[in-house]
């Protein structure tokens, strides 16, 4: 691994995906924990077999694939099931992300990890970028994006780690309370800084 590795995270509707897209437009490799998790639960993968052994075959759809919506609803309402699922997936995701980072030959790469605070175990990265927004902005964006009411939006926020917990581990903060252009300007500035600080 010749460059550095930074984790990038943010709460729901924070704009993490928009920030990652801007970094990618600047030529930065972004390895996404969610993409890796989806690959890990593809038919024939050991993680899917373990999920079925743990939760039963009713978590599969008619084609033998993981019914992600059903699984998500199940763990959203049951903290024990949530921890069981995380115990299956998180170590595998961490291993895959570290392997990808170590194989990178770029000046730096990013690991997009929505549940960075919740999962932990990423002490080996060189820093953490947090895409930050106010709770009020998050609620408004989630309501608009998912077409849900404020109560459900706040419930979704409460299921994640707090804004304060994310900011506590931040090396760099991207403030996304403004426009997309504002976010792009901050990403470009941080990219210039990280590109020369290796």
N, C-alpha and C. Protein backbone atom coordinates (compact mmCIF):
# COMPACT_ATOMS: atom_id res chain seq x y z
N UNK A 1 0.86 -1.19 0.00
CA UNK A 1 0.00 0.00 0.00
C UNK A 1 0.89 1.24 0.00
N UNK A 2 0.88 1.99 -1.08
CA UNK A 2 1.80 3.11 -1.19
C UNK A 2 1.21 4.42 -0.69
N UNK A 3 -0.11 4.50 -0.65
CA UNK A 3 -0.75 5.74 -0.24
C UNK A 3 -1.41 5.62 1.12
N UNK A 4 -2.31 6.53 1.38
CA UNK A 4 -3.04 6.53 2.64
C UNK A 4 -4.47 6.08 2.43
N UNK A 5 -5.09 5.72 3.53
CA UNK A 5 -6.48 5.26 3.49
C UNK A 5 -7.31 6.09 4.46
N UNK A 6 -8.40 6.66 3.96
CA UNK A 6 -9.29 7.45 4.80
C UNK A 6 -10.69 6.85 4.75
N UNK A 7 -11.32 6.73 5.90
CA UNK A 7 -12.72 6.32 5.95
C UNK A 7 -13.58 7.57 5.79
N UNK A 8 -14.67 7.45 5.04
CA UNK A 8 -15.63 8.55 4.92
C UNK A 8 -16.99 8.05 5.37
N UNK A 9 -17.64 8.82 6.22
CA UNK A 9 -18.91 8.39 6.80
C UNK A 9 -19.83 9.59 6.97
N UNK A 10 -21.07 9.30 7.30
CA UNK A 10 -22.06 10.34 7.53
C UNK A 10 -23.38 9.68 7.85
N UNK A 11 -24.24 10.38 8.54
CA UNK A 11 -25.54 9.83 8.88
C UNK A 11 -26.44 9.73 7.66
N UNK A 12 -27.61 9.17 7.86
CA UNK A 12 -28.58 9.02 6.77
C UNK A 12 -28.89 10.40 6.18
N UNK A 13 -28.92 10.47 4.85
CA UNK A 13 -29.24 11.70 4.12
C UNK A 13 -28.27 12.84 4.39
N UNK A 14 -27.03 12.49 4.76
CA UNK A 14 -26.03 13.53 5.02
C UNK A 14 -25.39 14.04 3.74
N UNK A 15 -25.45 13.22 2.69
CA UNK A 15 -24.79 13.59 1.44
C UNK A 15 -23.46 12.88 1.24
N UNK A 16 -23.25 11.79 1.97
CA UNK A 16 -22.01 11.02 1.83
C UNK A 16 -21.82 10.53 0.40
N UNK A 17 -22.90 10.05 -0.21
CA UNK A 17 -22.80 9.55 -1.59
C UNK A 17 -22.41 10.66 -2.56
N UNK A 18 -22.95 11.85 -2.36
CA UNK A 18 -22.60 12.99 -3.21
C UNK A 18 -21.13 13.36 -3.04
N UNK A 19 -20.66 13.32 -1.80
CA UNK A 19 -19.24 13.61 -1.55
C UNK A 19 -18.35 12.57 -2.21
N UNK A 20 -18.73 11.29 -2.06
CA UNK A 20 -17.95 10.21 -2.67
C UNK A 20 -17.91 10.35 -4.19
N UNK A 21 -19.04 10.71 -4.78
CA UNK A 21 -19.11 10.87 -6.23
C UNK A 21 -18.16 11.98 -6.69
N UNK A 22 -18.06 13.05 -5.89
CA UNK A 22 -17.15 14.14 -6.24
C UNK A 22 -15.69 13.69 -6.13
N UNK A 23 -15.37 12.94 -5.07
CA UNK A 23 -14.01 12.41 -4.95
C UNK A 23 -13.68 11.52 -6.15
N UNK A 24 -14.64 10.66 -6.52
CA UNK A 24 -14.42 9.77 -7.67
C UNK A 24 -14.21 10.57 -8.96
N UNK A 25 -14.94 11.67 -9.10
CA UNK A 25 -14.77 12.52 -10.28
C UNK A 25 -13.38 13.14 -10.33
N UNK A 26 -12.74 13.18 -9.17
CA UNK A 26 -11.37 13.70 -9.09
C UNK A 26 -10.34 12.57 -9.20
N UNK A 27 -10.81 11.36 -9.52
CA UNK A 27 -9.91 10.24 -9.74
C UNK A 27 -9.57 9.43 -8.51
N UNK A 28 -10.29 9.66 -7.41
CA UNK A 28 -10.02 8.94 -6.17
C UNK A 28 -10.79 7.62 -6.17
N UNK A 29 -10.13 6.54 -5.79
CA UNK A 29 -10.80 5.25 -5.66
C UNK A 29 -11.60 5.23 -4.36
N UNK A 30 -12.88 4.87 -4.47
CA UNK A 30 -13.76 4.77 -3.30
C UNK A 30 -14.25 3.33 -3.20
N UNK A 31 -13.93 2.68 -2.10
CA UNK A 31 -14.38 1.31 -1.85
C UNK A 31 -15.55 1.39 -0.86
N UNK A 32 -16.73 0.94 -1.29
CA UNK A 32 -17.97 1.15 -0.56
C UNK A 32 -18.37 -0.09 0.23
N UNK A 33 -18.52 0.08 1.55
CA UNK A 33 -18.89 -1.03 2.42
C UNK A 33 -20.24 -1.63 2.02
N UNK A 34 -21.19 -0.80 1.60
CA UNK A 34 -22.51 -1.31 1.21
C UNK A 34 -22.42 -2.19 -0.04
N UNK A 35 -21.60 -1.77 -1.00
CA UNK A 35 -21.42 -2.57 -2.22
C UNK A 35 -20.79 -3.91 -1.89
N UNK A 36 -19.78 -3.88 -1.03
CA UNK A 36 -19.12 -5.12 -0.63
C UNK A 36 -20.09 -6.03 0.12
N UNK A 37 -20.91 -5.44 1.00
CA UNK A 37 -21.89 -6.24 1.76
C UNK A 37 -22.86 -6.93 0.82
N UNK A 38 -23.29 -6.22 -0.24
CA UNK A 38 -24.20 -6.83 -1.22
C UNK A 38 -23.53 -7.99 -1.94
N UNK A 39 -22.25 -7.83 -2.27
CA UNK A 39 -21.50 -8.91 -2.93
C UNK A 39 -21.35 -10.11 -2.00
N UNK A 40 -21.18 -9.85 -0.72
CA UNK A 40 -20.98 -10.92 0.25
C UNK A 40 -22.22 -11.78 0.46
N UNK A 41 -23.40 -11.22 0.19
CA UNK A 41 -24.64 -11.98 0.41
C UNK A 41 -25.23 -12.49 -0.90
N UNK A 42 -24.43 -12.49 -1.97
CA UNK A 42 -24.89 -13.07 -3.24
C UNK A 42 -25.06 -14.58 -3.08
N UNK A 43 -25.95 -15.20 -3.87
CA UNK A 43 -26.13 -16.64 -3.79
C UNK A 43 -24.80 -17.39 -3.96
N UNK A 44 -24.59 -18.38 -3.10
CA UNK A 44 -23.37 -19.17 -3.16
C UNK A 44 -22.27 -18.65 -2.25
N UNK A 45 -22.44 -17.45 -1.69
CA UNK A 45 -21.42 -16.90 -0.80
C UNK A 45 -21.61 -17.44 0.62
N UNK A 46 -20.50 -17.71 1.32
CA UNK A 46 -20.59 -18.25 2.69
C UNK A 46 -21.42 -17.38 3.63
N UNK A 47 -21.35 -16.05 3.46
CA UNK A 47 -22.11 -15.16 4.35
C UNK A 47 -23.61 -15.39 4.21
N UNK A 48 -24.08 -15.60 2.98
CA UNK A 48 -25.50 -15.85 2.78
C UNK A 48 -25.90 -17.18 3.42
N UNK A 49 -25.06 -18.19 3.26
CA UNK A 49 -25.35 -19.49 3.89
C UNK A 49 -25.46 -19.34 5.40
N UNK A 50 -24.57 -18.52 5.98
CA UNK A 50 -24.60 -18.32 7.44
C UNK A 50 -25.84 -17.54 7.87
N UNK A 51 -26.24 -16.57 7.05
CA UNK A 51 -27.46 -15.80 7.35
C UNK A 51 -28.68 -16.71 7.34
N UNK A 52 -28.77 -17.58 6.33
CA UNK A 52 -29.90 -18.52 6.24
C UNK A 52 -29.88 -19.48 7.42
N UNK A 53 -28.70 -19.96 7.80
CA UNK A 53 -28.59 -20.88 8.94
C UNK A 53 -28.99 -20.20 10.25
N UNK A 54 -28.75 -18.88 10.31
CA UNK A 54 -29.04 -18.12 11.54
C UNK A 54 -30.50 -17.67 11.61
N UNK A 55 -31.03 -17.19 10.48
CA UNK A 55 -32.35 -16.56 10.50
C UNK A 55 -33.45 -17.38 9.83
N UNK A 56 -33.08 -18.41 9.08
CA UNK A 56 -34.07 -19.23 8.40
C UNK A 56 -34.22 -18.85 6.94
N UNK A 57 -34.77 -19.77 6.16
CA UNK A 57 -34.88 -19.59 4.71
C UNK A 57 -35.90 -18.52 4.32
N UNK A 58 -36.72 -18.05 5.25
CA UNK A 58 -37.72 -17.04 4.89
C UNK A 58 -37.09 -15.67 4.65
N UNK A 59 -35.76 -15.55 4.86
CA UNK A 59 -35.11 -14.28 4.54
C UNK A 59 -34.71 -14.23 3.05
N UNK A 60 -34.98 -15.32 2.33
CA UNK A 60 -34.68 -15.37 0.90
C UNK A 60 -35.91 -15.03 0.07
N UNK A 61 -35.67 -14.50 -1.12
CA UNK A 61 -36.79 -14.28 -2.02
C UNK A 61 -37.00 -15.53 -2.88
N UNK A 62 -37.90 -15.44 -3.84
CA UNK A 62 -38.24 -16.61 -4.66
C UNK A 62 -37.11 -17.13 -5.52
N UNK A 63 -36.08 -16.31 -5.73
CA UNK A 63 -34.95 -16.71 -6.56
C UNK A 63 -33.74 -17.14 -5.74
N UNK A 64 -33.93 -17.26 -4.43
CA UNK A 64 -32.83 -17.69 -3.58
C UNK A 64 -31.86 -16.59 -3.19
N UNK A 65 -32.26 -15.35 -3.44
CA UNK A 65 -31.43 -14.21 -3.05
C UNK A 65 -31.92 -13.64 -1.72
N UNK A 66 -31.04 -12.95 -1.03
CA UNK A 66 -31.43 -12.33 0.23
C UNK A 66 -32.49 -11.26 -0.04
N UNK A 67 -33.62 -11.36 0.66
CA UNK A 67 -34.65 -10.34 0.59
C UNK A 67 -34.20 -9.20 1.50
N UNK A 68 -33.50 -8.24 0.92
CA UNK A 68 -32.86 -7.19 1.72
C UNK A 68 -33.87 -6.34 2.48
N UNK A 69 -35.02 -6.09 1.86
CA UNK A 69 -36.02 -5.28 2.55
C UNK A 69 -36.57 -6.02 3.77
N UNK A 70 -36.87 -7.30 3.61
CA UNK A 70 -37.39 -8.08 4.73
C UNK A 70 -36.34 -8.18 5.85
N UNK A 71 -35.09 -8.39 5.44
CA UNK A 71 -34.02 -8.49 6.43
C UNK A 71 -33.83 -7.16 7.16
N UNK A 72 -33.89 -6.07 6.39
CA UNK A 72 -33.71 -4.74 6.98
C UNK A 72 -34.83 -4.45 7.99
N UNK A 73 -36.06 -4.78 7.63
CA UNK A 73 -37.19 -4.55 8.54
C UNK A 73 -37.05 -5.40 9.80
N UNK A 74 -36.58 -6.61 9.63
CA UNK A 74 -36.43 -7.52 10.78
C UNK A 74 -35.41 -6.99 11.78
N UNK A 75 -34.24 -6.57 11.28
CA UNK A 75 -33.20 -6.12 12.21
C UNK A 75 -33.49 -4.72 12.74
N UNK A 76 -34.30 -3.94 11.99
CA UNK A 76 -34.65 -2.60 12.46
C UNK A 76 -35.47 -2.67 13.74
N UNK A 77 -36.27 -3.72 13.86
CA UNK A 77 -37.17 -3.85 15.01
C UNK A 77 -36.64 -4.81 16.09
N UNK A 78 -35.49 -5.42 15.86
CA UNK A 78 -34.98 -6.41 16.83
C UNK A 78 -33.47 -6.23 16.97
N UNK A 79 -33.06 -5.65 18.10
CA UNK A 79 -31.64 -5.34 18.29
C UNK A 79 -30.78 -6.60 18.37
N UNK A 80 -31.36 -7.70 18.86
CA UNK A 80 -30.60 -8.96 18.94
C UNK A 80 -30.32 -9.49 17.54
N UNK A 81 -31.35 -9.49 16.70
CA UNK A 81 -31.16 -9.93 15.31
C UNK A 81 -30.19 -9.01 14.58
N UNK A 82 -30.25 -7.72 14.88
CA UNK A 82 -29.34 -6.76 14.25
C UNK A 82 -27.90 -7.11 14.57
N UNK A 83 -27.64 -7.41 15.84
CA UNK A 83 -26.27 -7.76 16.26
C UNK A 83 -25.82 -9.08 15.65
N UNK A 84 -26.74 -10.01 15.51
CA UNK A 84 -26.39 -11.29 14.89
C UNK A 84 -26.00 -11.11 13.43
N UNK A 85 -26.76 -10.27 12.73
CA UNK A 85 -26.45 -10.01 11.33
C UNK A 85 -25.11 -9.27 11.20
N UNK A 86 -24.89 -8.29 12.05
CA UNK A 86 -23.63 -7.54 12.03
C UNK A 86 -22.44 -8.44 12.32
N UNK A 87 -22.62 -9.42 13.21
CA UNK A 87 -21.53 -10.34 13.54
C UNK A 87 -21.14 -11.20 12.34
N UNK A 88 -22.10 -11.44 11.46
CA UNK A 88 -21.82 -12.21 10.24
C UNK A 88 -21.14 -11.33 9.19
N UNK A 89 -21.66 -10.12 9.00
CA UNK A 89 -21.21 -9.28 7.89
C UNK A 89 -20.03 -8.37 8.19
N UNK A 90 -20.03 -7.71 9.35
CA UNK A 90 -19.02 -6.68 9.60
C UNK A 90 -17.58 -7.18 9.50
N UNK A 91 -17.24 -8.33 10.11
CA UNK A 91 -15.84 -8.79 9.97
C UNK A 91 -15.45 -9.06 8.52
N UNK A 92 -16.37 -9.61 7.75
CA UNK A 92 -16.08 -9.88 6.33
C UNK A 92 -15.91 -8.59 5.54
N UNK A 93 -16.76 -7.61 5.84
CA UNK A 93 -16.66 -6.31 5.14
C UNK A 93 -15.32 -5.65 5.49
N UNK A 94 -14.95 -5.67 6.77
CA UNK A 94 -13.68 -5.07 7.19
C UNK A 94 -12.51 -5.72 6.47
N UNK A 95 -12.52 -7.05 6.39
CA UNK A 95 -11.44 -7.77 5.72
C UNK A 95 -11.34 -7.38 4.25
N UNK A 96 -12.50 -7.31 3.57
CA UNK A 96 -12.51 -6.95 2.15
C UNK A 96 -12.05 -5.52 1.93
N UNK A 97 -12.48 -4.59 2.79
CA UNK A 97 -12.08 -3.20 2.65
C UNK A 97 -10.57 -3.03 2.87
N UNK A 98 -10.05 -3.73 3.87
CA UNK A 98 -8.61 -3.61 4.14
C UNK A 98 -7.80 -4.17 2.98
N UNK A 99 -8.26 -5.30 2.42
CA UNK A 99 -7.55 -5.89 1.28
C UNK A 99 -7.56 -4.93 0.09
N UNK A 100 -8.70 -4.28 -0.15
CA UNK A 100 -8.80 -3.34 -1.26
C UNK A 100 -7.86 -2.15 -1.04
N UNK A 101 -7.84 -1.64 0.19
CA UNK A 101 -6.98 -0.49 0.51
C UNK A 101 -5.51 -0.86 0.36
N UNK A 102 -5.15 -2.04 0.82
CA UNK A 102 -3.75 -2.46 0.76
C UNK A 102 -3.29 -2.72 -0.67
N UNK A 103 -4.23 -3.04 -1.55
CA UNK A 103 -3.89 -3.29 -2.95
C UNK A 103 -3.82 -1.99 -3.76
N UNK A 104 -4.33 -0.90 -3.19
CA UNK A 104 -4.36 0.38 -3.91
C UNK A 104 -2.96 0.97 -4.04
N UNK A 105 -2.66 1.50 -5.20
CA UNK A 105 -1.36 2.15 -5.42
C UNK A 105 -1.51 3.65 -5.63
N UNK A 106 -2.72 4.17 -5.36
CA UNK A 106 -3.00 5.60 -5.53
C UNK A 106 -2.44 6.39 -4.35
N UNK A 107 -2.31 7.72 -4.50
CA UNK A 107 -1.83 8.55 -3.38
C UNK A 107 -2.68 8.35 -2.12
N UNK A 108 -3.98 8.23 -2.32
CA UNK A 108 -4.87 7.87 -1.20
C UNK A 108 -6.15 7.27 -1.76
N UNK A 109 -6.84 6.52 -0.94
CA UNK A 109 -8.14 5.97 -1.32
C UNK A 109 -9.10 6.18 -0.17
N UNK A 110 -10.40 6.02 -0.47
CA UNK A 110 -11.45 6.20 0.54
C UNK A 110 -12.20 4.90 0.76
N UNK A 111 -12.59 4.69 2.00
CA UNK A 111 -13.48 3.59 2.36
C UNK A 111 -14.79 4.22 2.80
N UNK A 112 -15.85 4.04 2.02
CA UNK A 112 -17.16 4.60 2.37
C UNK A 112 -17.85 3.64 3.32
N UNK A 113 -18.01 4.07 4.58
CA UNK A 113 -18.54 3.18 5.62
C UNK A 113 -19.65 3.91 6.38
N UNK A 114 -20.92 3.69 6.00
CA UNK A 114 -22.01 4.39 6.68
C UNK A 114 -22.04 4.12 8.19
N UNK A 115 -21.78 2.88 8.59
CA UNK A 115 -21.87 2.50 10.01
C UNK A 115 -20.48 2.44 10.66
N UNK A 116 -19.65 3.42 10.35
CA UNK A 116 -18.28 3.42 10.88
C UNK A 116 -18.26 3.46 12.40
N UNK A 117 -19.04 4.36 12.98
CA UNK A 117 -19.07 4.49 14.44
C UNK A 117 -19.62 3.22 15.08
N UNK A 118 -20.71 2.69 14.49
CA UNK A 118 -21.36 1.51 15.07
C UNK A 118 -20.47 0.27 14.98
N UNK A 119 -19.76 0.11 13.87
CA UNK A 119 -18.99 -1.11 13.67
C UNK A 119 -17.61 -1.06 14.29
N UNK A 120 -17.01 0.13 14.33
CA UNK A 120 -15.67 0.25 14.91
C UNK A 120 -14.64 -0.56 14.15
N UNK A 121 -13.54 -0.86 14.81
CA UNK A 121 -12.51 -1.76 14.26
C UNK A 121 -11.79 -1.20 13.04
N UNK A 122 -11.79 0.11 12.87
CA UNK A 122 -11.08 0.69 11.74
C UNK A 122 -9.95 1.61 12.22
N UNK A 123 -9.32 1.23 13.32
CA UNK A 123 -8.24 2.03 13.87
C UNK A 123 -7.01 2.11 12.98
N UNK A 124 -6.96 1.26 11.97
CA UNK A 124 -5.79 1.23 11.08
C UNK A 124 -5.85 2.27 9.97
N UNK A 125 -6.99 2.97 9.78
CA UNK A 125 -7.05 3.97 8.72
C UNK A 125 -6.27 5.22 9.14
N UNK A 126 -5.89 6.03 8.15
CA UNK A 126 -5.09 7.22 8.43
C UNK A 126 -5.91 8.42 8.88
N UNK A 127 -7.22 8.34 8.73
CA UNK A 127 -8.07 9.44 9.16
C UNK A 127 -9.52 9.17 8.79
N UNK A 128 -10.41 10.00 9.33
CA UNK A 128 -11.84 9.84 9.10
C UNK A 128 -12.42 11.16 8.60
N UNK A 129 -13.14 11.06 7.48
CA UNK A 129 -13.85 12.21 6.92
C UNK A 129 -15.32 12.06 7.26
N UNK A 130 -15.90 13.05 7.91
CA UNK A 130 -17.32 13.01 8.26
C UNK A 130 -18.07 14.04 7.44
N UNK A 131 -19.09 13.58 6.72
CA UNK A 131 -19.99 14.49 6.02
C UNK A 131 -21.09 14.85 7.02
N UNK A 132 -21.13 16.10 7.40
CA UNK A 132 -21.98 16.52 8.52
C UNK A 132 -23.12 17.42 8.08
N UNK A 133 -24.30 17.17 8.64
CA UNK A 133 -25.45 18.05 8.46
C UNK A 133 -26.18 18.15 9.79
N UNK A 134 -26.97 19.19 9.93
CA UNK A 134 -27.77 19.33 11.15
C UNK A 134 -28.87 18.27 11.16
N UNK A 135 -29.36 17.95 12.34
CA UNK A 135 -30.44 16.97 12.45
C UNK A 135 -31.68 17.44 11.72
N UNK A 136 -31.97 18.72 11.80
CA UNK A 136 -33.15 19.26 11.12
C UNK A 136 -33.05 19.06 9.61
N UNK A 137 -31.86 19.27 9.06
CA UNK A 137 -31.64 19.06 7.63
C UNK A 137 -31.79 17.59 7.27
N UNK A 138 -31.25 16.72 8.13
CA UNK A 138 -31.39 15.28 7.89
C UNK A 138 -32.85 14.87 7.84
N UNK A 139 -33.62 15.30 8.83
CA UNK A 139 -35.03 14.94 8.90
C UNK A 139 -35.76 15.41 7.65
N UNK A 140 -35.51 16.65 7.26
CA UNK A 140 -36.17 17.21 6.07
C UNK A 140 -35.82 16.40 4.82
N UNK A 141 -34.54 16.06 4.67
CA UNK A 141 -34.10 15.33 3.48
C UNK A 141 -34.65 13.90 3.45
N UNK A 142 -34.67 13.24 4.61
CA UNK A 142 -35.20 11.87 4.67
C UNK A 142 -36.69 11.87 4.35
N UNK A 143 -37.43 12.83 4.90
CA UNK A 143 -38.87 12.92 4.63
C UNK A 143 -39.12 13.11 3.14
N UNK A 144 -38.34 13.97 2.51
CA UNK A 144 -38.51 14.24 1.08
C UNK A 144 -38.07 13.05 0.23
N UNK A 145 -36.92 12.46 0.59
CA UNK A 145 -36.37 11.36 -0.21
C UNK A 145 -37.24 10.11 -0.14
N UNK A 146 -37.65 9.74 1.08
CA UNK A 146 -38.39 8.50 1.28
C UNK A 146 -39.90 8.69 1.34
N UNK A 147 -40.34 9.94 1.25
CA UNK A 147 -41.78 10.27 1.31
C UNK A 147 -42.43 9.68 2.56
N UNK A 148 -41.83 10.01 3.70
CA UNK A 148 -42.34 9.53 4.98
C UNK A 148 -42.61 10.72 5.90
N UNK A 149 -43.28 10.45 7.03
CA UNK A 149 -43.58 11.54 7.94
C UNK A 149 -42.40 11.78 8.89
N UNK A 150 -42.49 12.88 9.64
CA UNK A 150 -41.39 13.28 10.50
C UNK A 150 -41.09 12.26 11.59
N UNK A 151 -42.14 11.64 12.12
CA UNK A 151 -41.94 10.65 13.19
C UNK A 151 -41.08 9.49 12.74
N UNK A 152 -41.36 8.96 11.56
CA UNK A 152 -40.58 7.83 11.05
C UNK A 152 -39.16 8.28 10.70
N UNK A 153 -39.05 9.48 10.16
CA UNK A 153 -37.72 10.00 9.82
C UNK A 153 -36.85 10.10 11.07
N UNK A 154 -37.42 10.61 12.14
CA UNK A 154 -36.66 10.73 13.39
C UNK A 154 -36.33 9.36 13.98
N UNK A 155 -37.23 8.41 13.79
CA UNK A 155 -36.97 7.05 14.26
C UNK A 155 -35.78 6.45 13.50
N UNK A 156 -35.69 6.72 12.20
CA UNK A 156 -34.58 6.22 11.40
C UNK A 156 -33.26 6.86 11.86
N UNK A 157 -33.30 8.14 12.18
CA UNK A 157 -32.10 8.81 12.67
C UNK A 157 -31.67 8.24 14.01
N UNK A 158 -32.65 7.96 14.86
CA UNK A 158 -32.34 7.45 16.20
C UNK A 158 -31.70 6.06 16.16
N UNK A 159 -31.94 5.33 15.07
CA UNK A 159 -31.39 3.98 14.95
C UNK A 159 -29.89 4.01 14.62
N UNK A 160 -29.39 5.17 14.21
CA UNK A 160 -27.97 5.31 13.90
C UNK A 160 -27.24 5.97 15.06
N UNK A 161 -25.91 5.97 14.99
CA UNK A 161 -25.14 6.68 16.00
C UNK A 161 -25.43 8.17 15.88
N UNK A 162 -25.13 8.90 16.93
CA UNK A 162 -25.46 10.33 16.95
C UNK A 162 -24.48 11.16 16.13
N UNK A 163 -24.94 12.34 15.79
CA UNK A 163 -24.08 13.29 15.08
C UNK A 163 -22.83 13.57 15.91
N UNK A 164 -23.00 13.71 17.21
CA UNK A 164 -21.88 14.01 18.10
C UNK A 164 -20.85 12.88 18.09
N UNK A 165 -21.34 11.63 18.04
CA UNK A 165 -20.42 10.48 18.02
C UNK A 165 -19.60 10.46 16.74
N UNK A 166 -20.23 10.81 15.62
CA UNK A 166 -19.49 10.86 14.36
C UNK A 166 -18.45 11.98 14.39
N UNK A 167 -18.86 13.16 14.84
CA UNK A 167 -17.93 14.29 14.87
C UNK A 167 -16.76 14.03 15.81
N UNK A 168 -16.99 13.22 16.84
CA UNK A 168 -15.93 12.92 17.81
C UNK A 168 -14.78 12.14 17.20
N UNK A 169 -15.04 11.41 16.12
CA UNK A 169 -13.98 10.61 15.50
C UNK A 169 -13.45 11.25 14.22
N UNK A 170 -13.94 12.44 13.89
CA UNK A 170 -13.60 13.08 12.61
C UNK A 170 -12.19 13.67 12.61
N UNK A 171 -11.47 13.38 11.54
CA UNK A 171 -10.22 14.06 11.26
C UNK A 171 -10.50 15.29 10.40
N UNK A 172 -11.42 15.13 9.47
CA UNK A 172 -11.86 16.20 8.58
C UNK A 172 -13.39 16.21 8.54
N UNK A 173 -13.98 17.40 8.47
CA UNK A 173 -15.44 17.52 8.42
C UNK A 173 -15.83 18.27 7.15
N UNK A 174 -16.76 17.69 6.39
CA UNK A 174 -17.36 18.36 5.24
C UNK A 174 -18.75 18.81 5.65
N UNK A 175 -18.99 20.10 5.69
CA UNK A 175 -20.28 20.65 6.10
C UNK A 175 -21.22 20.66 4.89
N UNK A 176 -22.26 19.82 4.96
CA UNK A 176 -23.19 19.73 3.83
C UNK A 176 -24.56 20.31 4.15
N UNK A 177 -24.57 21.39 4.92
CA UNK A 177 -25.83 22.08 5.19
C UNK A 177 -26.18 23.06 4.07
N UNK A 178 -25.23 23.31 3.16
CA UNK A 178 -25.47 24.25 2.07
C UNK A 178 -25.85 23.57 0.78
N UNK A 179 -25.37 24.12 -0.31
CA UNK A 179 -25.71 23.61 -1.64
C UNK A 179 -24.73 22.52 -2.06
N UNK A 180 -25.08 21.85 -3.15
CA UNK A 180 -24.19 20.84 -3.71
C UNK A 180 -22.88 21.48 -4.17
N UNK A 181 -22.97 22.68 -4.70
CA UNK A 181 -21.76 23.40 -5.12
C UNK A 181 -20.84 23.67 -3.93
N UNK A 182 -21.44 24.00 -2.79
CA UNK A 182 -20.65 24.22 -1.57
C UNK A 182 -19.92 22.95 -1.17
N UNK A 183 -20.61 21.82 -1.24
CA UNK A 183 -20.01 20.53 -0.89
C UNK A 183 -18.86 20.22 -1.85
N UNK A 184 -19.10 20.43 -3.15
CA UNK A 184 -18.06 20.15 -4.15
C UNK A 184 -16.81 20.99 -3.88
N UNK A 185 -17.01 22.24 -3.50
CA UNK A 185 -15.88 23.12 -3.22
C UNK A 185 -15.05 22.59 -2.05
N UNK A 186 -15.73 22.10 -1.02
CA UNK A 186 -15.03 21.55 0.14
C UNK A 186 -14.29 20.25 -0.21
N UNK A 187 -14.95 19.40 -1.01
CA UNK A 187 -14.31 18.14 -1.42
C UNK A 187 -13.06 18.44 -2.24
N UNK A 188 -13.16 19.39 -3.17
CA UNK A 188 -12.01 19.73 -4.01
C UNK A 188 -10.84 20.24 -3.16
N UNK A 189 -11.15 21.05 -2.16
CA UNK A 189 -10.10 21.59 -1.30
C UNK A 189 -9.45 20.47 -0.48
N UNK A 190 -10.28 19.56 0.04
CA UNK A 190 -9.74 18.45 0.83
C UNK A 190 -8.94 17.50 -0.06
N UNK A 191 -9.42 17.28 -1.26
CA UNK A 191 -8.70 16.42 -2.20
C UNK A 191 -7.30 16.99 -2.48
N UNK A 192 -7.23 18.28 -2.70
CA UNK A 192 -5.93 18.92 -2.94
C UNK A 192 -5.00 18.75 -1.74
N UNK A 193 -5.57 18.85 -0.55
CA UNK A 193 -4.79 18.71 0.66
C UNK A 193 -4.30 17.29 0.85
N UNK A 194 -5.19 16.31 0.63
CA UNK A 194 -4.81 14.91 0.85
C UNK A 194 -3.85 14.41 -0.22
N UNK A 195 -3.95 14.98 -1.40
CA UNK A 195 -3.10 14.53 -2.50
C UNK A 195 -1.63 14.87 -2.28
N UNK A 196 -1.37 15.88 -1.46
CA UNK A 196 0.03 16.29 -1.23
C UNK A 196 0.54 15.93 0.15
N UNK A 197 -0.36 15.38 1.00
CA UNK A 197 0.04 15.11 2.39
C UNK A 197 0.37 13.64 2.61
N UNK A 198 0.89 13.00 1.57
CA UNK A 198 1.23 11.57 1.70
C UNK A 198 2.73 11.40 1.73
